[in-house]
Amino acid sequence: MFGKLNQEEMISLLSRNIFGRIGCSDGKRTYVFPISYAFHNDTVYCYSREGHKLSIMRDNPEVCFQADEVGDMANWKSVLGWGTFKELTDPTERRDAIRHLAERVLPLMSSETTHIFPHWPFPPDDLNEIEGVVFEIKILELTGRYERFQRLASSI
């Protein structure tokens, strides 16, 4: 059975996950970049080092963000959102975003890219000491779909 996720279900999926994908375009090509994130109040918070995705989003801040949960090929949920990229340089905004990222519940086995400070899980006293680029995607529109396998009742 296919269906649409309602607003509450979409927000719930985005809130409980930490891995998604950013879609952006440089005008010639469209790119999809995997990224770890934190979601709070219609905003996706991310941390990155300098690179191609940041260059593209600085030039064209209209982006999309996608996250999903896949049990198997017949049981999945996916959310796609459109929004605006903003690099967080204000110390208060940056610190608040890092706090959201630091408070995520990470799996026991997690990658270096999710550990945004050197002595993970112990943050420095001043979160703004953390190097790298912190940014947000303010979500303006969401859509979500799902598929659930339903067994047919036996006719025996």
C-alpha atoms as a PDB file:
ATOM      1  CA  MET A   1       0.000   0.000   0.000  1.00  0.00           C
ATOM      2  CA  PHE A   2       1.292   3.433  -0.970  1.00  0.00           C
ATOM      3  CA  GLY A   3       0.357   6.600   0.846  1.00  0.00           C
ATOM      4  CA  LYS A   4       1.209  10.142   1.851  1.00  0.00           C
ATOM      5  CA  LEU A   5       2.746  11.035   5.193  1.00  0.00           C
ATOM      6  CA  ASN A   6       0.947  13.749   7.127  1.00  0.00           C
ATOM      7  CA  GLN A   7       2.759  16.760   8.620  1.00  0.00           C
ATOM      8  CA  GLU A   8       3.239  15.113  12.021  1.00  0.00           C
ATOM      9  CA  GLU A   9       4.670  11.942  10.457  1.00  0.00           C
ATOM     10  CA  MET A  10       7.079  13.954   8.286  1.00  0.00           C
ATOM     11  CA  ILE A  11       8.303  16.034  11.241  1.00  0.00           C
ATOM     12  CA  SER A  12       8.705  12.863  13.312  1.00  0.00           C
ATOM     13  CA  LEU A  13      10.805  11.152  10.622  1.00  0.00           C
ATOM     14  CA  LEU A  14      13.062  14.191  10.228  1.00  0.00           C
ATOM     15  CA  SER A  15      13.425  14.559  14.008  1.00  0.00           C
ATOM     16  CA  ARG A  16      14.455  10.996  14.773  1.00  0.00           C
ATOM     17  CA  ASN A  17      16.991  10.600  11.966  1.00  0.00           C
ATOM     18  CA  ILE A  18      20.501  11.989  11.582  1.00  0.00           C
ATOM     19  CA  PHE A  19      21.353  11.191   7.954  1.00  0.00           C
ATOM     20  CA  GLY A  20      19.905  12.822   4.863  1.00  0.00           C
ATOM     21  CA  ARG A  21      20.753  14.221   1.460  1.00  0.00           C
ATOM     22  CA  ILE A  22      21.006  17.770   0.157  1.00  0.00           C
ATOM     23  CA  GLY A  23      20.065  18.463  -3.447  1.00  0.00           C
ATOM     24  CA  CYS A  24      21.468  21.602  -5.055  1.00  0.00           C
ATOM     25  CA  SER A  25      22.371  22.952  -8.468  1.00  0.00           C
ATOM     26  CA  ASP A  26      25.190  25.060  -9.853  1.00  0.00           C
ATOM     27  CA  GLY A  27      23.087  25.903 -12.928  1.00  0.00           C
ATOM     28  CA  LYS A  28      24.830  23.279 -15.051  1.00  0.00           C
ATOM     29  CA  ARG A  29      24.542  20.148 -12.945  1.00  0.00           C
ATOM     30  CA  THR A  30      22.369  18.954 -10.099  1.00  0.00           C
ATOM     31  CA  TYR A  31      24.161  17.392  -7.142  1.00  0.00           C
ATOM     32  CA  VAL A  32      22.997  15.241  -4.247  1.00  0.00           C
ATOM     33  CA  PHE A  33      25.267  15.224  -1.194  1.00  0.00           C
ATOM     34  CA  PRO A  34      24.854  12.894   1.805  1.00  0.00           C
ATOM     35  CA  ILE A  35      25.107  14.674   5.146  1.00  0.00           C
ATOM     36  CA  SER A  36      24.465  14.151   8.833  1.00  0.00           C
ATOM     37  CA  TYR A  37      22.047  16.630  10.366  1.00  0.00           C
ATOM     38  CA  ALA A  38      19.865  17.662  13.275  1.00  0.00           C
ATOM     39  CA  PHE A  39      16.273  18.838  12.798  1.00  0.00           C
ATOM     40  CA  HIS A  40      14.551  21.380  15.038  1.00  0.00           C
ATOM     41  CA  ASN A  41      11.641  23.795  14.451  1.00  0.00           C
ATOM     42  CA  ASP A  42      11.421  23.374  10.651  1.00  0.00           C
ATOM     43  CA  THR A  43      15.175  23.795  10.328  1.00  0.00           C
ATOM     44  CA  VAL A  44      17.838  21.315   9.254  1.00  0.00           C
ATOM     45  CA  TYR A  45      21.194  22.035  10.926  1.00  0.00           C
ATOM     46  CA  CYS A  46      24.407  20.753   9.354  1.00  0.00           C
ATOM     47  CA  TYR A  47      28.144  20.900   9.789  1.00  0.00           C
ATOM     48  CA  SER A  48      30.692  20.585   6.984  1.00  0.00           C
ATOM     49  CA  ARG A  49      34.190  21.375   5.963  1.00  0.00           C
ATOM     50  CA  GLU A  50      34.777  23.694   3.000  1.00  0.00           C
ATOM     51  CA  GLY A  51      34.027  22.055  -0.304  1.00  0.00           C
ATOM     52  CA  HIS A  52      31.947  21.862  -3.433  1.00  0.00           C
ATOM     53  CA  LYS A  53      28.508  21.641  -1.788  1.00  0.00           C
ATOM     54  CA  LEU A  54      29.092  24.807   0.230  1.00  0.00           C
ATOM     55  CA  SER A  55      30.308  26.667  -2.838  1.00  0.00           C
ATOM     56  CA  ILE A  56      27.187  25.659  -4.763  1.00  0.00           C
ATOM     57  CA  MET A  57      24.770  26.537  -1.941  1.00  0.00           C
ATOM     58  CA  ARG A  58      26.416  29.917  -1.346  1.00  0.00           C
ATOM     59  CA  ASP A  59      25.830  30.745  -5.031  1.00  0.00           C
ATOM     60  CA  ASN A  60      22.333  29.253  -5.179  1.00  0.00           C
ATOM     61  CA  PRO A  61      20.747  28.937  -1.707  1.00  0.00           C
ATOM     62  CA  GLU A  62      17.526  27.287  -2.936  1.00  0.00           C
ATOM     63  CA  VAL A  63      18.005  23.615  -2.050  1.00  0.00           C
ATOM     64  CA  CYS A  64      16.081  20.474  -1.246  1.00  0.00           C
ATOM     65  CA  PHE A  65      16.622  18.049   1.605  1.00  0.00           C
ATOM     66  CA  GLN A  66      15.640  14.385   1.712  1.00  0.00           C
ATOM     67  CA  ALA A  67      15.614  11.812   4.507  1.00  0.00           C
ATOM     68  CA  ASP A  68      14.161   8.321   4.593  1.00  0.00           C
ATOM     69  CA  GLU A  69      13.704   5.165   6.592  1.00  0.00           C
ATOM     70  CA  VAL A  70      13.921   1.860   4.747  1.00  0.00           C
ATOM     71  CA  GLY A  71      12.956  -1.387   6.423  1.00  0.00           C
ATOM     72  CA  ASP A  72      13.066  -3.223   3.098  1.00  0.00           C
ATOM     73  CA  MET A  73      11.965  -2.568  -0.477  1.00  0.00           C
ATOM     74  CA  ALA A  74       8.289  -2.940   0.465  1.00  0.00           C
ATOM     75  CA  ASN A  75       8.378  -0.963   3.721  1.00  0.00           C
ATOM     76  CA  TRP A  76       9.795   2.547   3.590  1.00  0.00           C
ATOM     77  CA  LYS A  77       9.097   6.212   4.320  1.00  0.00           C
ATOM     78  CA  SER A  78      10.626   9.219   2.590  1.00  0.00           C
ATOM     79  CA  VAL A  79      10.411  12.974   3.202  1.00  0.00           C
ATOM     80  CA  LEU A  80      11.468  15.655   0.748  1.00  0.00           C
ATOM     81  CA  GLY A  81      11.664  19.296   1.736  1.00  0.00           C
ATOM     82  CA  TRP A  82      12.487  22.486  -0.120  1.00  0.00           C
ATOM     83  CA  GLY A  83      14.182  25.333   1.620  1.00  0.00           C
ATOM     84  CA  THR A  84      16.857  27.964   1.834  1.00  0.00           C
ATOM     85  CA  PHE A  85      20.512  27.509   2.764  1.00  0.00           C
ATOM     86  CA  LYS A  86      22.064  29.957   5.216  1.00  0.00           C
ATOM     87  CA  GLU A  87      25.606  29.815   6.557  1.00  0.00           C
ATOM     88  CA  LEU A  88      25.599  30.530  10.288  1.00  0.00           C
ATOM     89  CA  THR A  89      28.342  33.012  11.157  1.00  0.00           C
ATOM     90  CA  ASP A  90      26.628  34.848  14.009  1.00  0.00           C
ATOM     91  CA  PRO A  91      28.195  33.348  17.176  1.00  0.00           C
ATOM     92  CA  THR A  92      24.837  32.830  18.932  1.00  0.00           C
ATOM     93  CA  GLU A  93      23.155  31.179  15.936  1.00  0.00           C
ATOM     94  CA  ARG A  94      26.214  29.037  15.263  1.00  0.00           C
ATOM     95  CA  ARG A  95      26.464  27.906  18.904  1.00  0.00           C
ATOM     96  CA  ASP A  96      22.753  27.012  19.021  1.00  0.00           C
ATOM     97  CA  ALA A  97      23.057  24.972  15.816  1.00  0.00           C
ATOM     98  CA  ILE A  98      26.118  23.137  17.139  1.00  0.00           C
ATOM     99  CA  ARG A  99      24.212  22.400  20.340  1.00  0.00           C
ATOM    100  CA  HIS A 100      21.427  20.736  18.301  1.00  0.00           C
ATOM    101  CA  LEU A 101      24.036  18.712  16.401  1.00  0.00           C
ATOM    102  CA  ALA A 102      25.847  17.712  19.596  1.00  0.00           C
ATOM    103  CA  GLU A 103      22.620  16.562  21.291  1.00  0.00           C
ATOM    104  CA  ARG A 104      21.723  14.064  18.563  1.00  0.00           C
ATOM    105  CA  VAL A 105      21.554  10.452  19.614  1.00  0.00           C
ATOM    106  CA  LEU A 106      24.173   8.751  17.466  1.00  0.00           C
ATOM    107  CA  PRO A 107      24.470   5.026  16.821  1.00  0.00           C
ATOM    108  CA  LEU A 108      27.140   3.206  18.797  1.00  0.00           C
ATOM    109  CA  MET A 109      29.182   2.898  15.612  1.00  0.00           C
ATOM    110  CA  SER A 110      29.256   6.366  14.086  1.00  0.00           C
ATOM    111  CA  SER A 111      31.573   8.138  11.706  1.00  0.00           C
ATOM    112  CA  GLU A 112      34.087  10.908  12.122  1.00  0.00           C
ATOM    113  CA  THR A 113      31.803  13.223  10.115  1.00  0.00           C
ATOM    114  CA  THR A 114      29.127  13.016  12.822  1.00  0.00           C
ATOM    115  CA  HIS A 115      31.677  13.796  15.560  1.00  0.00           C
ATOM    116  CA  ILE A 116      31.895  17.537  15.110  1.00  0.00           C
ATOM    117  CA  PHE A 117      34.417  18.238  17.868  1.00  0.00           C
ATOM    118  CA  PRO A 118      37.850  16.692  18.470  1.00  0.00           C
ATOM    119  CA  HIS A 119      37.202  14.958  21.803  1.00  0.00           C
ATOM    120  CA  TRP A 120      33.783  13.519  21.001  1.00  0.00           C
ATOM    121  CA  PRO A 121      31.523  13.138  22.963  1.00  0.00           C
ATOM    122  CA  PHE A 122      33.022  15.829  25.188  1.00  0.00           C
ATOM    123  CA  PRO A 123      32.341  19.292  23.753  1.00  0.00           C
ATOM    124  CA  PRO A 124      34.685  22.217  24.320  1.00  0.00           C
ATOM    125  CA  ASP A 125      33.582  24.879  26.799  1.00  0.00           C
ATOM    126  CA  ASP A 126      33.083  27.326  23.938  1.00  0.00           C
ATOM    127  CA  LEU A 127      31.193  25.636  21.070  1.00  0.00           C
ATOM    128  CA  ASN A 128      32.325  28.387  18.701  1.00  0.00           C
ATOM    129  CA  GLU A 129      35.885  27.040  18.992  1.00  0.00           C
ATOM    130  CA  ILE A 130      34.769  24.190  16.738  1.00  0.00           C
ATOM    131  CA  GLU A 131      36.215  24.668  13.279  1.00  0.00           C
ATOM    132  CA  GLY A 132      34.261  24.085  10.090  1.00  0.00           C
ATOM    133  CA  VAL A 133      31.142  25.536   8.544  1.00  0.00           C
ATOM    134  CA  VAL A 134      27.790  25.369  10.303  1.00  0.00           C
ATOM    135  CA  PHE A 135      24.682  26.022   8.247  1.00  0.00           C
ATOM    136  CA  GLU A 136      20.948  25.659   8.249  1.00  0.00           C
ATOM    137  CA  ILE A 137      18.313  24.824   5.713  1.00  0.00           C
ATOM    138  CA  LYS A 138      15.080  26.556   6.627  1.00  0.00           C
ATOM    139  CA  ILE A 139      12.378  24.186   5.356  1.00  0.00           C
ATOM    140  CA  LEU A 140       9.572  25.993   3.544  1.00  0.00           C
ATOM    141  CA  GLU A 141       7.659  23.029   2.098  1.00  0.00           C
ATOM    142  CA  LEU A 142       7.518  19.280   2.810  1.00  0.00           C
ATOM    143  CA  THR A 143       6.120  16.245   1.096  1.00  0.00           C
ATOM    144  CA  GLY A 144       6.296  12.642   2.252  1.00  0.00           C
ATOM    145  CA  ARG A 145       5.405   9.221   0.935  1.00  0.00           C
ATOM    146  CA  TYR A 146       5.457   5.678   2.236  1.00  0.00           C
ATOM    147  CA  GLU A 147       4.945   2.102   1.183  1.00  0.00           C
ATOM    148  CA  ARG A 148       3.773  -0.618   3.560  1.00  0.00           C
ATOM    149  CA  PHE A 149       3.420  -4.238   2.614  1.00  0.00           C
ATOM    150  CA  GLN A 150       0.069  -5.648   3.652  1.00  0.00           C
ATOM    151  CA  ARG A 151      -0.512  -9.357   3.633  1.00  0.00           C
ATOM    152  CA  LEU A 152      -3.775 -10.449   2.130  1.00  0.00           C
ATOM    153  CA  ALA A 153      -6.047 -12.354   4.480  1.00  0.00           C
ATOM    154  CA  SER A 154      -5.980 -16.079   3.806  1.00  0.00           C
ATOM    155  CA  SER A 155      -9.086 -17.361   2.062  1.00  0.00           C
ATOM    156  CA  ILE A 156      -8.825 -20.771   3.736  1.00  0.00           C
END
